[in-house]
């Protein structure tokens, strides 16, 4: 599916991403998967769930699983959690809340400006990265959130609830 962003950067193809911070770095996910951004809610923890799985919450009558993306990717959170937010995303009809340190902005990224994943090992497993985008001398890692979240695992945890 293509989004018409012809007003920006001429006729080049643009992808839209929601940029946020995890620890001291910038990351982004495809905007099409984002349903909304909310303040960090109260969650109900589930017994015997993975450490990155914060629990479940009620969002206007829908039960949503909440995952702390920092714990999932082994990233140390910012010292102050004042801007902490939850990004509600949806994959395969399953709504999931993802905890991030702060929301930055929506990026309109020209497809040709996305660099491939470097071959160097990093904190994040390469299978979780779609690419890298450089803007204003700052790198933003474009995450493959569906791969990170492991939707099958989320479905099993939701059924256990």
Protein backbone atom coordinates (compact mmCIF):
# COMPACT_ATOMS: atom_id res chain seq x y z
CA UNK A 1 0.00 0.00 0.00
CA UNK A 2 1.41 3.40 -0.95
CA UNK A 3 0.73 6.70 0.78
CA UNK A 4 0.62 9.75 -1.44
CA UNK A 5 3.11 12.22 0.00
CA UNK A 6 3.76 14.01 -3.30
CA UNK A 7 3.74 17.39 -1.56
CA UNK A 8 7.06 16.55 0.06
CA UNK A 9 10.36 15.90 -1.68
CA UNK A 10 8.97 15.96 -5.19
CA UNK A 11 7.84 12.63 -6.59
CA UNK A 12 10.12 10.28 -4.62
CA UNK A 13 8.51 7.47 -2.64
CA UNK A 14 8.23 8.21 1.07
CA UNK A 15 7.60 5.87 3.97
CA UNK A 16 6.17 7.26 7.18
CA UNK A 17 7.52 6.24 10.59
CA UNK A 18 6.80 7.14 14.20
CA UNK A 19 10.14 8.10 15.79
CA UNK A 20 10.68 7.54 19.52
CA UNK A 21 13.50 7.17 22.02
CA UNK A 22 14.59 4.04 23.86
CA UNK A 23 17.38 4.93 26.26
CA UNK A 24 19.70 7.37 24.52
CA UNK A 25 18.96 6.27 20.94
CA UNK A 26 16.26 7.02 18.37
CA UNK A 27 14.14 4.29 16.84
CA UNK A 28 11.12 4.28 14.55
CA UNK A 29 8.31 1.97 13.48
CA UNK A 30 6.05 2.08 10.43
CA UNK A 31 3.26 4.58 11.02
CA UNK A 32 0.68 2.34 9.31
CA UNK A 33 0.84 -0.11 12.23
CA UNK A 34 0.29 2.62 14.88
CA UNK A 35 -3.28 3.04 16.12
CA UNK A 36 -2.66 5.62 18.87
CA UNK A 37 -0.27 6.86 21.54
CA UNK A 38 -1.40 6.99 25.17
CA UNK A 39 0.15 7.82 28.56
CA UNK A 40 1.51 4.83 30.44
CA UNK A 41 -1.54 3.03 31.88
CA UNK A 42 -1.92 0.77 34.87
CA UNK A 43 -1.43 -2.82 33.83
CA UNK A 44 -2.34 -6.14 35.39
CA UNK A 45 0.69 -8.46 35.44
CA UNK A 46 0.25 -12.05 34.37
CA UNK A 47 1.98 -14.84 36.29
CA UNK A 48 4.80 -16.76 34.57
CA UNK A 49 5.09 -14.25 31.72
CA UNK A 50 8.39 -13.06 30.21
CA UNK A 51 10.11 -10.13 31.95
CA UNK A 52 9.49 -7.79 29.00
CA UNK A 53 5.75 -8.51 29.16
CA UNK A 54 4.36 -5.78 31.44
CA UNK A 55 0.85 -7.26 31.57
CA UNK A 56 -2.59 -6.48 30.19
CA UNK A 57 -4.71 -3.35 30.21
CA UNK A 58 -8.27 -2.40 29.36
CA UNK A 59 -8.43 0.10 26.52
CA UNK A 60 -12.05 1.15 26.02
CA UNK A 61 -13.31 -2.39 26.58
CA UNK A 62 -10.56 -4.14 24.60
CA UNK A 63 -7.92 -6.18 26.44
CA UNK A 64 -4.48 -5.12 25.21
CA UNK A 65 -1.15 -6.81 25.98
CA UNK A 66 1.62 -4.38 27.00
CA UNK A 67 5.29 -5.04 26.20
CA UNK A 68 8.22 -2.95 27.46
CA UNK A 69 10.29 -2.57 24.31
CA UNK A 70 13.33 -1.50 26.34
CA UNK A 71 13.38 -4.77 28.27
CA UNK A 72 12.71 -6.81 25.13
CA UNK A 73 15.71 -5.23 23.38
CA UNK A 74 17.94 -5.00 26.49
CA UNK A 75 18.11 -1.20 26.42
CA UNK A 76 18.57 0.78 29.63
CA UNK A 77 15.64 3.21 30.06
CA UNK A 78 16.17 6.96 30.46
CA UNK A 79 16.75 8.09 34.03
CA UNK A 80 13.53 10.12 34.13
CA UNK A 81 10.37 8.41 32.95
CA UNK A 82 8.42 11.67 32.67
CA UNK A 83 7.76 11.35 28.94
CA UNK A 84 7.18 7.59 28.94
CA UNK A 85 4.34 6.59 26.61
CA UNK A 86 2.63 3.52 25.20
CA UNK A 87 2.26 3.14 21.45
CA UNK A 88 -0.77 1.03 20.55
CA UNK A 89 -0.08 -1.03 17.42
CA UNK A 90 -2.10 -3.69 15.64
CA UNK A 91 -0.89 -6.79 13.79
CA UNK A 92 -3.10 -9.62 12.55
CA UNK A 93 -6.06 -8.13 14.41
CA UNK A 94 -4.16 -8.19 17.73
CA UNK A 95 -3.69 -4.91 19.58
CA UNK A 96 -0.46 -4.53 21.54
CA UNK A 97 0.84 -1.66 23.67
CA UNK A 98 4.55 -0.92 23.43
CA UNK A 99 6.26 1.08 26.19
CA UNK A 100 8.83 3.65 24.96
CA UNK A 101 10.80 6.40 26.72
CA UNK A 102 9.43 9.30 24.65
CA UNK A 103 7.73 10.07 21.35
CA UNK A 104 9.67 12.36 19.02
CA UNK A 105 7.83 12.91 15.72
CA UNK A 106 6.50 11.42 12.51
CA UNK A 107 9.23 10.98 9.90
CA UNK A 108 8.65 11.13 6.15
CA UNK A 109 11.55 9.00 4.95
CA UNK A 110 12.49 8.83 1.27
CA UNK A 111 12.84 5.11 0.47
CA UNK A 112 16.23 5.69 -1.17
CA UNK A 113 17.58 7.26 2.08
CA UNK A 114 17.09 4.06 4.09
CA UNK A 115 20.39 2.27 4.57
CA UNK A 116 20.61 -1.48 4.94
CA UNK A 117 21.34 -3.07 8.30
CA UNK A 118 25.08 -2.91 9.01
CA UNK A 119 26.88 -6.23 9.38
CA UNK A 120 28.31 -5.27 12.77
CA UNK A 121 26.77 -6.98 15.78
CA UNK A 122 24.92 -4.58 18.06
CA UNK A 123 22.63 -4.51 21.07
CA UNK A 124 19.70 -5.39 18.86
CA UNK A 125 19.49 -8.58 16.88
CA UNK A 126 19.74 -7.74 13.16
CA UNK A 127 16.49 -9.60 12.40
CA UNK A 128 14.67 -6.89 14.36
CA UNK A 129 15.97 -4.05 12.14
CA UNK A 130 14.45 -3.00 8.80
CA UNK A 131 17.07 -0.36 8.10
CA UNK A 132 18.78 2.81 9.29
CA UNK A 133 17.86 6.41 8.45
CA UNK A 134 20.20 9.36 8.95
CA UNK A 135 18.67 12.81 9.48
CA UNK A 136 20.40 15.91 10.93
CA UNK A 137 23.54 13.84 11.64
CA UNK A 138 21.54 11.54 13.91
CA UNK A 139 20.82 7.91 13.16
CA UNK A 140 17.36 6.42 13.59
CA UNK A 141 17.04 2.64 13.61
CA UNK A 142 13.92 1.45 11.78
CA UNK A 143 12.53 -1.51 13.71
CA UNK A 144 10.58 -4.50 12.45
CA UNK A 145 8.09 -4.40 15.32
CA UNK A 146 6.06 -7.40 14.17
CA UNK A 147 9.20 -9.54 14.33
CA UNK A 148 10.20 -8.11 17.72
CA UNK A 149 6.82 -8.63 19.35
CA UNK A 150 6.37 -12.26 18.28
CA UNK A 151 2.61 -12.09 17.75
CA UNK A 152 2.17 -15.85 18.38
CA UNK A 153 3.60 -15.38 21.88
CA UNK A 154 1.30 -12.39 22.50
CA UNK A 155 -1.75 -14.42 21.39
CA UNK A 156 -0.83 -17.24 23.78
CA UNK A 157 -0.34 -14.83 26.70
CA UNK A 158 -3.64 -13.10 25.93
CA UNK A 159 -5.48 -16.42 25.92
CA UNK A 160 -3.87 -17.29 29.27
CA UNK A 161 -5.35 -14.09 30.68
